[in-house]
Amino acid sequence: MTLGPRLVAEVGPDGWTPVGVFPDALLIGPDDLRDEHWFQLRLN
């Protein structure tokens, strides 16, 4: 399962920038692997 563009659309307007995606990094259940998304927020 991947949220990809939907996740970026949710947090992008708040100033968060995607910096990395690790496919199938999170094992939620026996047959449930999810992507891990890393974001960065620039502090002014």
C-alpha atoms as a PDB file:
ATOM      1  CA  MET A   1       0.000   0.000   0.000  1.00  0.00           C
ATOM      2  CA  THR A   2       1.308   3.444  -0.811  1.00  0.00           C
ATOM      3  CA  LEU A   3      -0.081   6.896  -0.109  1.00  0.00           C
ATOM      4  CA  GLY A   4       2.449   8.625  -2.363  1.00  0.00           C
ATOM      5  CA  PRO A   5       0.900  11.655  -4.081  1.00  0.00           C
ATOM      6  CA  ARG A   6      -2.062  11.763  -1.690  1.00  0.00           C
ATOM      7  CA  LEU A   7       0.231  12.059   1.326  1.00  0.00           C
ATOM      8  CA  VAL A   8       2.372  14.737  -0.331  1.00  0.00           C
ATOM      9  CA  ALA A   9      -0.777  16.696  -1.225  1.00  0.00           C
ATOM     10  CA  GLU A  10      -1.865  16.580   2.435  1.00  0.00           C
ATOM     11  CA  VAL A  11       1.351  17.865   4.024  1.00  0.00           C
ATOM     12  CA  GLY A  12       2.843  19.923   1.180  1.00  0.00           C
ATOM     13  CA  PRO A  13       0.716  23.014   1.770  1.00  0.00           C
ATOM     14  CA  ASP A  14       1.831  23.076   5.428  1.00  0.00           C
ATOM     15  CA  GLY A  15       5.474  23.551   4.393  1.00  0.00           C
ATOM     16  CA  TRP A  16       6.633  19.936   4.626  1.00  0.00           C
ATOM     17  CA  THR A  17       8.946  18.701   1.847  1.00  0.00           C
ATOM     18  CA  PRO A  18       9.294  14.998   0.990  1.00  0.00           C
ATOM     19  CA  VAL A  19      12.929  13.887   1.329  1.00  0.00           C
ATOM     20  CA  GLY A  20      12.725  10.121   1.105  1.00  0.00           C
ATOM     21  CA  VAL A  21      10.557   7.091   0.492  1.00  0.00           C
ATOM     22  CA  PHE A  22      11.441   3.601   1.598  1.00  0.00           C
ATOM     23  CA  PRO A  23       9.184   1.069  -0.169  1.00  0.00           C
ATOM     24  CA  ASP A  24       7.865  -1.793   1.976  1.00  0.00           C
ATOM     25  CA  ALA A  25       9.816  -0.571   5.022  1.00  0.00           C
ATOM     26  CA  LEU A  26       7.051  -1.003   7.600  1.00  0.00           C
ATOM     27  CA  LEU A  27       5.629  -4.419   8.437  1.00  0.00           C
ATOM     28  CA  ILE A  28       2.175  -3.717   9.859  1.00  0.00           C
ATOM     29  CA  GLY A  29       0.839  -7.283   9.740  1.00  0.00           C
ATOM     30  CA  PRO A  30       1.596 -10.681   8.208  1.00  0.00           C
ATOM     31  CA  ASP A  31       0.760  -9.556   4.660  1.00  0.00           C
ATOM     32  CA  ASP A  32       0.727  -5.800   5.148  1.00  0.00           C
ATOM     33  CA  LEU A  33       3.886  -3.927   4.117  1.00  0.00           C
ATOM     34  CA  ARG A  34       3.760  -0.147   3.838  1.00  0.00           C
ATOM     35  CA  ASP A  35       6.074   2.506   2.505  1.00  0.00           C
ATOM     36  CA  GLU A  36       7.848   4.791   4.956  1.00  0.00           C
ATOM     37  CA  HIS A  37       7.833   8.465   3.945  1.00  0.00           C
ATOM     38  CA  TRP A  38      10.272  11.007   5.382  1.00  0.00           C
ATOM     39  CA  PHE A  39       9.478  14.712   5.342  1.00  0.00           C
ATOM     40  CA  GLN A  40      11.381  17.794   6.409  1.00  0.00           C
ATOM     41  CA  LEU A  41      10.045  21.088   7.688  1.00  0.00           C
ATOM     42  CA  ARG A  42      12.198  24.148   7.180  1.00  0.00           C
ATOM     43  CA  LEU A  43      12.311  26.247  10.323  1.00  0.00           C
ATOM     44  CA  ASN A  44      12.749  29.960   9.682  1.00  0.00           C
END
